[in-house]
Amino acid sequence: MSTALLALAGVTAGYVADIDVLRNISLSIDKGRITGLIGLNGAGKSTLMKTICGFVRPHAGAIQYDGSDITGIPPHTLIDRGIWYVPQESSLFPYMSVADNLRLPLQRLLGSRRGEIDARLADALVRFPALAERMRVPAGNLSGGQQKMVEFAKAWLVRPRLCLVDEPSVGLAPIVAAEVYRFIELFASEGMTILLVDHNVRRVVKMAEYVYVMSLGEITARGRREEFEGDLHAQVRAWLGVNF
């Protein structure tokens, strides 16, 4: 019996009809674990995330989620299927308060069940206590690290089965990035399935149970964490500037 929650088979996609950014991508994300995706800038990692989420429709291939075909799924229906996307760029509404940004996905998910919405918000503030004193602050007034915290709090609130995390540490100070990685570990400890894309290769290898390497729109290597630890895969070592 397959343990894959998400599976891509022969996916080819791009932003223009005749130009493919992704070429024949096949991979699977097993339930309840962190899977890593690494590669240089321009390799196609973010395009892959957007293709899974329906922002880019494949020219060929199929995407299966929990046994159902979600190829080209409308992005606004992701939450209904238990999928959440934490993008590299902020998705917050800058002129709305932190509280209102947090409530939006819950209102979509839970409708008018105010008691459950309030309970989930209270729980989120236990997990993300630094947000408690900023709930009335416009999201656009927050620092980059604080905005990223709100993004992860939103993900925590909706309890997704699958969370796609795209370059969570870009532009963040090391101490803030370390906190972001703790959020990801929290999600994993609660049984959430995670696809993690990050330029921090060593961090991805440390956190993920299985790792895919992407180059020029193709999967060029794959393997369990142990195969990438210690002496890193030759391609990854070259990216890091490690001499043999």
Protein backbone atom coordinates (compact mmCIF):
# COMPACT_ATOMS: atom_id res chain seq x y z
CA MET A 1 0.00 0.00 0.00
CA SER A 2 1.40 3.38 -1.01
CA THR A 3 2.37 5.81 1.75
CA ALA A 4 2.51 8.77 -0.64
CA LEU A 5 0.20 11.67 0.13
CA LEU A 6 1.35 13.64 -2.92
CA ALA A 7 2.74 12.21 -6.16
CA LEU A 8 3.81 13.88 -9.40
CA ALA A 9 4.17 11.79 -12.55
CA GLY A 10 5.89 13.20 -15.63
CA VAL A 11 4.93 16.80 -14.89
CA THR A 12 6.07 19.32 -17.48
CA ALA A 13 5.08 22.96 -16.95
CA GLY A 14 5.97 26.57 -17.63
CA TYR A 15 4.56 30.07 -17.73
CA VAL A 16 4.46 30.24 -21.55
CA ALA A 17 2.96 27.56 -23.77
CA ASP A 18 6.14 26.71 -25.69
CA ILE A 19 8.67 27.19 -22.88
CA ASP A 20 8.96 24.48 -20.22
CA VAL A 21 10.47 25.40 -16.86
CA LEU A 22 9.78 21.94 -15.45
CA ARG A 23 10.53 18.86 -17.51
CA ASN A 24 9.18 15.41 -16.74
CA ILE A 25 9.13 15.80 -12.94
CA SER A 26 8.24 12.66 -10.98
CA LEU A 27 8.40 12.57 -7.20
CA SER A 28 6.40 11.45 -4.19
CA ILE A 29 5.87 12.91 -0.74
CA ASP A 30 5.18 10.34 1.96
CA LYS A 31 2.61 10.92 4.66
CA GLY A 32 3.78 12.37 7.95
CA ARG A 33 7.34 13.25 7.03
CA ILE A 34 9.45 16.14 5.80
CA THR A 35 10.63 15.84 2.20
CA GLY A 36 13.26 18.31 1.01
CA LEU A 37 13.78 19.87 -2.39
CA ILE A 38 17.10 21.62 -3.06
CA GLY A 39 18.68 23.29 -6.06
CA LEU A 40 20.29 26.47 -7.32
CA ASN A 41 18.33 29.66 -7.97
CA GLY A 42 16.45 29.24 -11.22
CA ALA A 43 16.31 25.46 -10.96
CA GLY A 44 12.51 25.53 -10.98
CA LYS A 45 11.76 24.85 -7.29
CA SER A 46 9.23 27.64 -6.81
CA THR A 47 7.63 26.88 -10.17
CA LEU A 48 7.15 23.31 -8.97
CA MET A 49 5.43 24.55 -5.81
CA LYS A 50 3.16 26.84 -7.83
CA THR A 51 2.33 24.00 -10.20
CA ILE A 52 1.28 21.76 -7.32
CA CYS A 53 -0.89 24.59 -6.00
CA GLY A 54 -2.59 25.26 -9.34
CA PHE A 55 -1.06 28.66 -10.05
CA VAL A 56 0.72 27.08 -13.05
CA ARG A 57 -1.09 24.41 -15.07
CA PRO A 58 1.06 21.53 -16.37
CA HIS A 59 1.54 21.05 -20.10
CA ALA A 60 1.83 17.31 -19.43
CA GLY A 61 1.77 14.84 -16.55
CA ALA A 62 -0.44 14.44 -13.50
CA ILE A 63 -0.52 15.41 -9.84
CA GLN A 64 -2.17 13.05 -7.37
CA TYR A 65 -3.10 14.00 -3.80
CA ASP A 66 -4.38 11.33 -1.45
CA GLY A 67 -5.39 9.22 -4.44
CA SER A 68 -7.25 12.01 -6.28
CA ASP A 69 -6.16 13.91 -9.39
CA ILE A 70 -5.58 17.58 -8.49
CA THR A 71 -3.78 18.59 -11.69
CA GLY A 72 -4.50 22.28 -12.25
CA ILE A 73 -6.60 22.57 -9.08
CA PRO A 74 -7.94 26.13 -8.53
CA PRO A 75 -5.61 27.63 -5.89
CA HIS A 76 -8.47 28.97 -3.76
CA THR A 77 -9.71 25.41 -3.15
CA LEU A 78 -6.45 24.13 -1.65
CA ILE A 79 -7.58 24.76 1.92
CA ASP A 80 -10.71 22.68 1.34
CA ARG A 81 -8.51 19.68 0.49
CA GLY A 82 -6.16 20.07 3.46
CA ILE A 83 -3.29 21.66 1.51
CA TRP A 84 -1.55 24.85 2.62
CA TYR A 85 1.16 26.88 0.90
CA VAL A 86 3.63 29.07 2.80
CA PRO A 87 5.09 31.19 -0.02
CA GLN A 88 8.50 32.78 -0.18
CA GLU A 89 6.90 36.21 -0.57
CA SER A 90 4.45 37.56 1.98
CA SER A 91 0.82 36.68 1.31
CA LEU A 92 -0.48 38.93 4.08
CA PHE A 93 -2.84 41.84 3.51
CA PRO A 94 -0.61 44.71 4.70
CA TYR A 95 -3.36 47.14 5.76
CA MET A 96 -5.28 44.53 7.71
CA SER A 97 -4.42 43.72 11.31
CA VAL A 98 -2.58 40.56 12.27
CA ALA A 99 -5.80 39.28 13.87
CA ASP A 100 -7.81 39.81 10.68
CA ASN A 101 -5.11 38.14 8.56
CA LEU A 102 -5.27 35.13 10.87
CA ARG A 103 -9.06 34.99 10.85
CA LEU A 104 -9.42 35.01 7.06
CA PRO A 105 -8.47 31.36 6.38
CA LEU A 106 -10.45 30.21 9.40
CA GLN A 107 -13.56 31.96 8.13
CA ARG A 108 -13.11 30.17 4.82
CA LEU A 109 -12.59 26.84 6.56
CA LEU A 110 -15.02 27.07 9.48
CA GLY A 111 -17.60 29.60 8.30
CA SER A 112 -19.57 31.12 11.16
CA ARG A 113 -18.39 28.71 13.88
CA ARG A 114 -17.05 31.55 15.99
CA GLY A 115 -16.37 29.45 19.06
CA GLU A 116 -14.06 27.12 17.15
CA ILE A 117 -12.39 30.06 15.41
CA ASP A 118 -11.69 31.73 18.76
CA ALA A 119 -10.38 28.46 20.21
CA ARG A 120 -7.96 27.98 17.34
CA LEU A 121 -6.74 31.57 17.61
CA ALA A 122 -6.12 31.12 21.33
CA ASP A 123 -4.15 27.94 20.63
CA ALA A 124 -2.09 29.72 17.95
CA LEU A 125 -1.11 32.41 20.44
CA VAL A 126 0.14 29.70 22.78
CA ARG A 127 2.30 28.33 19.97
CA PHE A 128 3.29 31.79 18.67
CA PRO A 129 3.22 33.96 21.82
CA ALA A 130 5.14 36.84 20.22
CA LEU A 131 2.05 37.62 18.14
CA ALA A 132 -0.19 38.25 21.17
CA GLU A 133 0.88 41.87 21.54
CA ARG A 134 0.74 42.51 17.80
CA MET A 135 -2.76 41.30 16.98
CA ARG A 136 -4.06 44.81 16.27
CA VAL A 137 -0.99 45.93 14.33
CA PRO A 138 -1.30 46.21 10.52
CA ALA A 139 0.58 43.27 9.02
CA GLY A 140 2.52 45.62 6.76
CA ASN A 141 4.08 47.28 9.83
CA LEU A 142 5.72 44.06 10.98
CA SER A 143 9.33 43.11 10.33
CA GLY A 144 10.11 40.40 7.79
CA GLY A 145 10.61 37.85 10.54
CA GLN A 146 7.35 38.79 12.25
CA GLN A 147 5.46 38.51 8.97
CA LYS A 148 6.92 35.06 8.44
CA MET A 149 5.71 34.12 11.91
CA VAL A 150 2.19 35.18 10.93
CA GLU A 151 2.45 33.05 7.79
CA PHE A 152 3.29 30.00 9.87
CA ALA A 153 0.60 30.82 12.43
CA LYS A 154 -1.93 30.84 9.56
CA ALA A 155 -0.72 27.40 8.53
CA TRP A 156 -1.02 26.15 12.11
CA LEU A 157 -4.57 27.48 12.37
CA VAL A 158 -5.94 25.57 9.38
CA ARG A 159 -4.37 22.21 10.39
CA PRO A 160 -3.42 21.12 6.85
CA ARG A 161 -2.50 17.54 6.02
CA LEU A 162 0.09 18.79 3.54
CA CYS A 163 2.10 21.99 3.99
CA LEU A 164 4.26 23.31 1.14
CA VAL A 165 7.00 25.59 2.52
CA ASP A 166 8.88 27.69 -0.05
CA GLU A 167 12.24 29.26 0.94
CA PRO A 168 11.19 30.14 4.52
CA SER A 169 14.56 31.58 5.60
CA VAL A 170 15.26 33.92 2.67
CA GLY A 171 16.16 37.42 3.87
CA LEU A 172 15.98 36.51 7.55
CA ALA A 173 18.71 36.93 10.16
CA PRO A 174 20.14 33.58 11.33
CA ILE A 175 18.47 33.79 14.73
CA VAL A 176 15.08 34.45 13.11
CA ALA A 177 15.64 31.69 10.54
CA ALA A 178 16.35 29.26 13.38
CA GLU A 179 12.95 30.11 14.87
CA VAL A 180 11.28 29.47 11.52
CA TYR A 181 12.85 26.02 11.37
CA ARG A 182 11.46 25.33 14.84
CA PHE A 183 7.99 26.09 13.47
CA ILE A 184 8.54 23.49 10.75
CA GLU A 185 9.70 20.95 13.34
CA LEU A 186 6.56 21.72 15.37
CA PHE A 187 4.38 21.01 12.35
CA ALA A 188 6.20 17.74 11.68
CA SER A 189 5.88 16.66 15.32
CA GLU A 190 2.11 16.99 14.95
CA GLY A 191 2.08 14.62 11.97
CA MET A 192 1.85 17.21 9.22
CA THR A 193 3.33 16.21 5.86
CA ILE A 194 5.79 18.84 4.61
CA LEU A 195 7.52 19.61 1.34
CA LEU A 196 10.37 21.97 2.21
CA VAL A 197 12.20 24.05 -0.39
CA ASP A 198 15.16 26.00 0.96
CA HIS A 199 18.49 27.38 -0.25
CA ASN A 200 20.05 26.25 3.04
CA VAL A 201 21.11 22.83 1.79
CA ARG A 202 22.60 21.60 5.05
CA ARG A 203 19.47 22.56 6.97
CA VAL A 204 17.20 20.75 4.50
CA VAL A 205 19.38 17.62 4.64
CA LYS A 206 19.29 17.75 8.44
CA MET A 207 15.50 18.11 8.65
CA ALA A 208 14.21 16.03 5.73
CA GLU A 209 13.91 12.26 5.71
CA TYR A 210 14.08 12.20 1.93
CA VAL A 211 15.71 14.73 -0.42
CA TYR A 212 15.26 15.60 -4.09
CA VAL A 213 17.81 17.63 -6.04
CA MET A 214 16.57 19.81 -8.91
CA SER A 215 18.66 21.35 -11.68
CA LEU A 216 17.44 23.19 -14.78
CA GLY A 217 13.87 22.01 -14.32
CA GLU A 218 14.67 18.34 -13.80
CA ILE A 219 15.13 16.02 -10.83
CA THR A 220 18.80 15.07 -11.03
CA ALA A 221 19.26 13.17 -7.75
CA ARG A 222 17.20 11.76 -4.91
CA GLY A 223 17.80 9.76 -1.78
CA ARG A 224 17.34 9.33 1.94
CA ARG A 225 18.91 11.75 4.39
CA GLU A 226 21.74 9.33 5.11
CA GLU A 227 22.85 9.45 1.48
CA PHE A 228 23.32 13.21 1.69
CA GLU A 229 24.86 13.46 5.16
CA GLY A 230 28.60 13.50 5.80
CA ASP A 231 30.11 13.57 2.34
CA LEU A 232 27.36 15.43 0.52
CA HIS A 233 26.26 14.29 -2.89
CA ALA A 234 28.80 15.49 -5.50
CA GLN A 235 26.40 17.96 -7.09
CA VAL A 236 25.45 19.49 -3.74
CA ARG A 237 29.10 19.74 -2.69
CA ALA A 238 29.87 21.64 -5.87
CA TRP A 239 27.07 24.13 -5.17
CA LEU A 240 28.45 24.71 -1.68
CA GLY A 241 31.96 25.28 -3.02
CA VAL A 242 33.33 22.28 -1.15
CA ASN A 243 36.56 20.94 -2.63
CA PHE A 244 37.01 17.20 -2.99
